[in-house]
Amino acid sequence: MGVILRYKEFLKTYKTRGHRINHLVKYGGLFPIKSNEILAGIVADLMGDGNLQGDPKWRIDFTSKHIKELRRFELEMDKAFSIKGKIRKCLSNRFGETYNIAFNCSPIARILFLCGVPSGQKVLQKFDIPHWIKTNKVYFRRFCQRLFSCEGSIMDEPRRRIPQVRLHMWKSEQHLNDGKHFFNEISRLMKYYFDIDSKISIINRKNMRKDGIITRPMVLYIFSNSVLIFHKEIGFEGEKQEKLTGILTSKAFKTA
């Protein structure tokens, strides 16, 4: 495990001496922050179904249709930072019943930001896979597992010998190249570490937001025998992995 963040670097994010002193007592014991598999998963969760809100009101949110997913995320946050969240039902989601777990903790939010989690609206942000994840196969595997679990899907059609695995993300037209770079890095590293082939496409579809910003979907496709490698080497977590295993088993593929 390598050091990602030292305490003196963390303190530089505070403007006043009073805040620095208060957090020296309560959070100093967390440092230095070292790279690990749990943290790699948390970073991916927040790039997927989660959100990190930055200055001035730093906080962390993670959203899911399933309470057990929120509990899983809370358990990993507790392991990494000894912190608990608060779960509530989302009342404004027009896409169905969802729940949110929130962590109103500015120091931990700042730490995650400095570890590579983007803050604000991800569709409008340029971000990349943190270097400490890119350079470690175990961390990259966990990063992909969680990102695909959040933003991935399985496309099974009768005409396909093997189903497709897809990763979906939306980007504003201004940041399409940034999004393509992010997907290219995932594609490149999956090939490098696991020999998984994939392709990337910007879908010819647009969405006009209330603020007038136009966004478009991007998709990374895993296809053919690479789906079998993905299932074995990375996979989803939870119900999506069970679904993929079931499909592959029904088509008489060896999934072990």
Protein backbone atom coordinates (compact mmCIF):
# COMPACT_ATOMS: atom_id res chain seq x y z
CA MET A 1 0.00 0.00 0.00
CA GLY A 2 1.42 3.36 -1.02
CA VAL A 3 0.73 6.73 0.57
CA ILE A 4 -1.85 8.79 -1.34
CA LEU A 5 -2.33 11.71 1.02
CA ARG A 6 -0.35 13.12 3.95
CA TYR A 7 -1.81 15.19 6.74
CA LYS A 8 -0.03 18.44 5.84
CA GLU A 9 -1.51 18.25 2.32
CA PHE A 10 -4.98 17.75 3.78
CA LEU A 11 -4.62 20.78 6.08
CA LYS A 12 -3.84 23.02 3.11
CA THR A 13 -7.51 22.71 2.05
CA TYR A 14 -8.55 24.77 5.10
CA LYS A 15 -8.44 28.55 5.02
CA THR A 16 -8.58 29.20 8.76
CA ARG A 17 -6.22 28.09 11.52
CA GLY A 18 -9.17 27.23 13.78
CA HIS A 19 -10.50 24.54 11.45
CA ARG A 20 -7.02 23.10 11.05
CA ILE A 21 -6.58 22.79 14.81
CA ASN A 22 -10.02 21.21 15.35
CA HIS A 23 -9.47 18.59 12.68
CA LEU A 24 -5.94 17.87 13.89
CA VAL A 25 -7.47 16.34 17.03
CA LYS A 26 -10.37 14.43 15.47
CA TYR A 27 -9.01 13.27 12.11
CA GLY A 28 -5.24 13.30 12.41
CA GLY A 29 -5.23 9.59 13.24
CA LEU A 30 -6.50 8.71 9.74
CA PHE A 31 -3.26 9.85 8.15
CA PRO A 32 -1.35 9.05 6.09
CA ILE A 33 -4.09 7.84 3.73
CA LYS A 34 -2.80 4.74 1.96
CA SER A 35 -4.05 3.09 -1.20
CA ASN A 36 -6.18 0.00 -0.69
CA GLU A 37 -8.88 -2.06 -2.38
CA ILE A 38 -11.74 -0.68 -0.28
CA LEU A 39 -10.84 2.90 -1.13
CA ALA A 40 -10.64 2.04 -4.84
CA GLY A 41 -14.22 0.75 -4.64
CA ILE A 42 -15.42 3.86 -2.82
CA VAL A 43 -13.87 6.09 -5.50
CA ALA A 44 -15.71 4.15 -8.22
CA ASP A 45 -19.00 4.25 -6.28
CA LEU A 46 -18.79 8.02 -6.07
CA MET A 47 -17.96 8.29 -9.78
CA GLY A 48 -21.02 6.12 -10.44
CA ASP A 49 -24.15 6.26 -8.30
CA GLY A 50 -22.63 8.56 -5.72
CA ASN A 51 -21.77 12.23 -5.53
CA LEU A 52 -19.24 14.35 -3.70
CA GLN A 53 -20.30 17.92 -3.07
CA GLY A 54 -17.44 20.37 -2.70
CA ASP A 55 -16.90 23.81 -1.26
CA PRO A 56 -18.62 25.37 0.63
CA LYS A 57 -20.72 22.48 2.03
CA TRP A 58 -18.63 19.37 1.64
CA ARG A 59 -20.66 16.15 1.82
CA ILE A 60 -20.91 12.63 0.36
CA ASP A 61 -24.03 10.97 -1.08
CA PHE A 62 -24.73 7.54 -2.52
CA THR A 63 -28.04 6.57 -4.14
CA SER A 64 -29.60 3.18 -4.88
CA LYS A 65 -32.93 1.42 -5.30
CA HIS A 66 -31.81 -1.05 -2.66
CA ILE A 67 -31.27 -0.33 1.04
CA LYS A 68 -28.78 -3.20 1.22
CA GLU A 69 -26.60 -1.37 -1.31
CA LEU A 70 -26.57 1.70 0.92
CA ARG A 71 -25.62 -0.48 3.87
CA ARG A 72 -22.80 -2.03 1.85
CA PHE A 73 -21.47 1.43 0.97
CA GLU A 74 -21.80 2.56 4.59
CA LEU A 75 -19.87 -0.50 5.78
CA GLU A 76 -17.00 0.28 3.43
CA MET A 77 -16.97 3.93 4.48
CA ASP A 78 -16.91 2.77 8.09
CA LYS A 79 -13.98 0.43 7.41
CA ALA A 80 -12.06 3.17 5.62
CA PHE A 81 -12.88 6.19 7.76
CA SER A 82 -14.91 5.05 10.83
CA ILE A 83 -17.94 7.04 9.73
CA LYS A 84 -21.69 6.36 9.59
CA GLY A 85 -24.25 7.84 7.23
CA LYS A 86 -27.94 8.72 7.33
CA ILE A 87 -30.42 6.99 5.00
CA ARG A 88 -33.52 8.68 3.60
CA LYS A 89 -36.00 8.06 0.81
CA CYS A 90 -35.58 10.23 -2.28
CA LEU A 91 -38.81 12.13 -2.80
CA SER A 92 -37.96 13.93 -6.05
CA ASN A 93 -36.80 11.03 -8.22
CA ARG A 94 -39.20 10.60 -11.15
CA PHE A 95 -37.54 7.36 -12.30
CA GLY A 96 -38.82 5.20 -9.46
CA GLU A 97 -38.33 4.56 -5.76
CA THR A 98 -34.76 5.22 -4.66
CA TYR A 99 -32.90 5.85 -1.42
CA ASN A 100 -29.92 7.95 -0.46
CA ILE A 101 -27.29 7.70 2.23
CA ALA A 102 -25.58 10.96 3.16
CA PHE A 103 -22.38 11.66 5.07
CA ASN A 104 -22.26 15.29 6.19
CA CYS A 105 -18.58 15.25 7.02
CA SER A 106 -16.42 17.91 5.43
CA PRO A 107 -13.02 16.35 6.39
CA ILE A 108 -13.81 12.94 4.85
CA ALA A 109 -15.28 14.58 1.73
CA ARG A 110 -12.07 16.62 1.37
CA ILE A 111 -9.96 13.49 1.79
CA LEU A 112 -11.89 11.67 -0.94
CA PHE A 113 -11.57 14.67 -3.24
CA LEU A 114 -7.80 14.67 -2.74
CA CYS A 115 -7.74 10.91 -3.41
CA GLY A 116 -9.24 11.48 -6.86
CA VAL A 117 -13.03 11.71 -6.51
CA PRO A 118 -14.52 14.52 -8.64
CA SER A 119 -16.74 17.06 -6.91
CA GLY A 120 -19.95 18.54 -8.26
CA GLN A 121 -21.97 17.38 -11.27
CA LYS A 122 -19.94 14.64 -12.95
CA VAL A 123 -21.68 15.18 -16.28
CA LEU A 124 -20.09 18.65 -16.36
CA GLN A 125 -16.69 17.68 -14.95
CA LYS A 126 -13.39 16.47 -16.36
CA PHE A 127 -12.01 13.60 -14.30
CA ASP A 128 -9.83 10.54 -14.68
CA ILE A 129 -9.04 7.28 -12.93
CA PRO A 130 -6.61 8.16 -10.11
CA HIS A 131 -3.00 7.17 -10.85
CA TRP A 132 -2.78 4.97 -7.75
CA ILE A 133 -5.66 2.87 -9.11
CA LYS A 134 -4.35 2.74 -12.67
CA THR A 135 -1.02 1.32 -11.60
CA ASN A 136 -2.34 -1.53 -9.44
CA LYS A 137 -4.19 -4.51 -10.93
CA VAL A 138 -6.05 -5.37 -7.70
CA TYR A 139 -7.24 -1.79 -7.16
CA PHE A 140 -8.21 -1.40 -10.82
CA ARG A 141 -10.21 -4.64 -10.69
CA ARG A 142 -12.19 -3.39 -7.69
CA PHE A 143 -12.65 0.03 -9.30
CA CYS A 144 -14.11 -1.58 -12.44
CA GLN A 145 -16.27 -4.00 -10.46
CA ARG A 146 -17.94 -1.17 -8.59
CA LEU A 147 -18.21 1.20 -11.58
CA PHE A 148 -19.82 -1.50 -13.72
CA SER A 149 -22.10 -2.43 -10.80
CA CYS A 150 -23.28 1.19 -10.65
CA GLU A 151 -23.38 2.14 -14.33
CA GLY A 152 -23.24 -1.14 -16.20
CA SER A 153 -25.88 -3.31 -17.85
CA ILE A 154 -26.22 -6.67 -19.59
CA MET A 155 -27.73 -6.92 -23.08
CA ASP A 156 -28.90 -10.42 -23.90
CA GLU A 157 -30.65 -11.02 -27.21
CA PRO A 158 -31.56 -14.31 -28.92
CA ARG A 159 -29.35 -13.48 -31.90
CA ARG A 160 -26.27 -13.06 -29.67
CA ARG A 161 -24.16 -16.11 -28.92
CA ILE A 162 -22.77 -14.27 -25.89
CA PRO A 163 -24.49 -11.29 -24.17
CA GLN A 164 -22.90 -7.85 -24.22
CA VAL A 165 -21.78 -6.03 -21.09
CA ARG A 166 -22.12 -2.26 -21.29
CA LEU A 167 -20.95 0.71 -19.26
CA HIS A 168 -23.04 3.87 -19.65
CA MET A 169 -22.26 7.47 -18.68
CA TRP A 170 -23.62 10.85 -19.78
CA LYS A 171 -21.48 13.89 -20.57
CA SER A 172 -22.20 17.44 -21.61
CA GLU A 173 -21.24 18.11 -25.22
CA GLN A 174 -18.46 20.36 -23.94
CA HIS A 175 -16.90 17.42 -22.06
CA LEU A 176 -17.42 14.59 -24.55
CA ASN A 177 -13.69 14.35 -25.25
CA ASP A 178 -12.98 14.17 -21.51
CA GLY A 179 -15.54 11.39 -21.16
CA LYS A 180 -14.06 9.53 -24.11
CA HIS A 181 -10.60 9.76 -22.53
CA PHE A 182 -11.99 8.31 -19.27
CA PHE A 183 -13.58 5.40 -21.14
CA ASN A 184 -10.44 4.90 -23.23
CA GLU A 185 -8.41 4.51 -20.05
CA ILE A 186 -10.82 1.88 -18.74
CA SER A 187 -10.68 0.07 -22.09
CA ARG A 188 -6.89 0.28 -22.28
CA LEU A 189 -6.34 -1.00 -18.75
CA MET A 190 -8.87 -3.83 -19.06
CA LYS A 191 -6.93 -4.98 -22.11
CA TYR A 192 -3.58 -4.54 -20.36
CA TYR A 193 -4.46 -6.30 -17.10
CA PHE A 194 -7.06 -8.86 -18.23
CA ASP A 195 -6.92 -9.07 -22.05
CA ILE A 196 -10.53 -7.83 -22.27
CA ASP A 197 -11.51 -6.28 -25.60
CA SER A 198 -13.99 -3.41 -25.69
CA LYS A 199 -15.13 -0.55 -27.89
CA ILE A 200 -16.48 2.91 -27.17
CA SER A 201 -19.33 4.78 -28.81
CA ILE A 202 -20.91 8.21 -28.38
CA ILE A 203 -24.61 7.61 -28.98
CA ASN A 204 -26.45 9.88 -31.41
CA ARG A 205 -28.95 10.99 -28.81
CA LYS A 206 -29.27 14.28 -26.94
CA ASN A 207 -30.87 15.46 -23.74
CA MET A 208 -31.60 19.10 -22.97
CA ARG A 209 -31.25 19.87 -19.27
CA LYS A 210 -33.29 22.53 -17.48
CA ASP A 211 -30.23 24.79 -17.48
CA GLY A 212 -29.97 24.51 -21.27
CA ILE A 213 -26.91 22.27 -21.29
CA ILE A 214 -27.03 19.45 -23.84
CA THR A 215 -25.78 16.04 -22.72
CA ARG A 216 -25.12 12.85 -24.67
CA PRO A 217 -24.65 9.22 -23.60
CA MET A 218 -21.40 7.33 -23.98
CA VAL A 219 -21.21 3.54 -23.95
CA LEU A 220 -18.32 1.13 -23.52
CA TYR A 221 -19.13 -2.30 -24.94
CA ILE A 222 -17.56 -5.61 -23.91
CA PHE A 223 -18.42 -8.31 -26.39
CA SER A 224 -17.74 -11.83 -27.62
CA ASN A 225 -15.38 -14.00 -25.55
CA SER A 226 -14.21 -10.96 -23.58
CA VAL A 227 -17.52 -11.13 -21.69
CA LEU A 228 -16.42 -14.52 -20.33
CA ILE A 229 -13.11 -13.00 -19.21
CA PHE A 230 -14.92 -10.04 -17.66
CA HIS A 231 -17.22 -12.38 -15.75
CA LYS A 232 -14.27 -14.33 -14.35
CA GLU A 233 -11.71 -11.57 -13.76
CA ILE A 234 -13.82 -8.54 -12.81
CA GLY A 235 -17.56 -9.11 -12.82
CA PHE A 236 -20.35 -7.11 -11.30
CA GLU A 237 -21.25 -7.24 -7.64
CA GLY A 238 -24.62 -8.51 -6.43
CA GLU A 239 -27.69 -9.07 -8.59
CA LYS A 240 -26.09 -8.11 -11.91
CA GLN A 241 -23.38 -10.72 -11.45
CA GLU A 242 -26.03 -13.32 -10.61
CA LYS A 243 -27.90 -12.37 -13.79
CA LEU A 244 -24.77 -12.61 -15.94
CA THR A 245 -23.83 -15.96 -14.40
CA GLY A 246 -27.34 -17.24 -15.07
CA ILE A 247 -27.27 -16.18 -18.71
CA LEU A 248 -23.85 -17.68 -19.36
CA THR A 249 -24.81 -20.89 -17.59
CA SER A 250 -28.00 -21.20 -19.60
CA LYS A 251 -26.00 -20.83 -22.78
CA ALA A 252 -23.72 -23.67 -21.60
CA PHE A 253 -20.60 -21.53 -21.13
CA LYS A 254 -18.09 -22.41 -18.46
CA THR A 255 -18.28 -19.58 -15.89
CA ALA A 256 -15.81 -20.83 -13.27
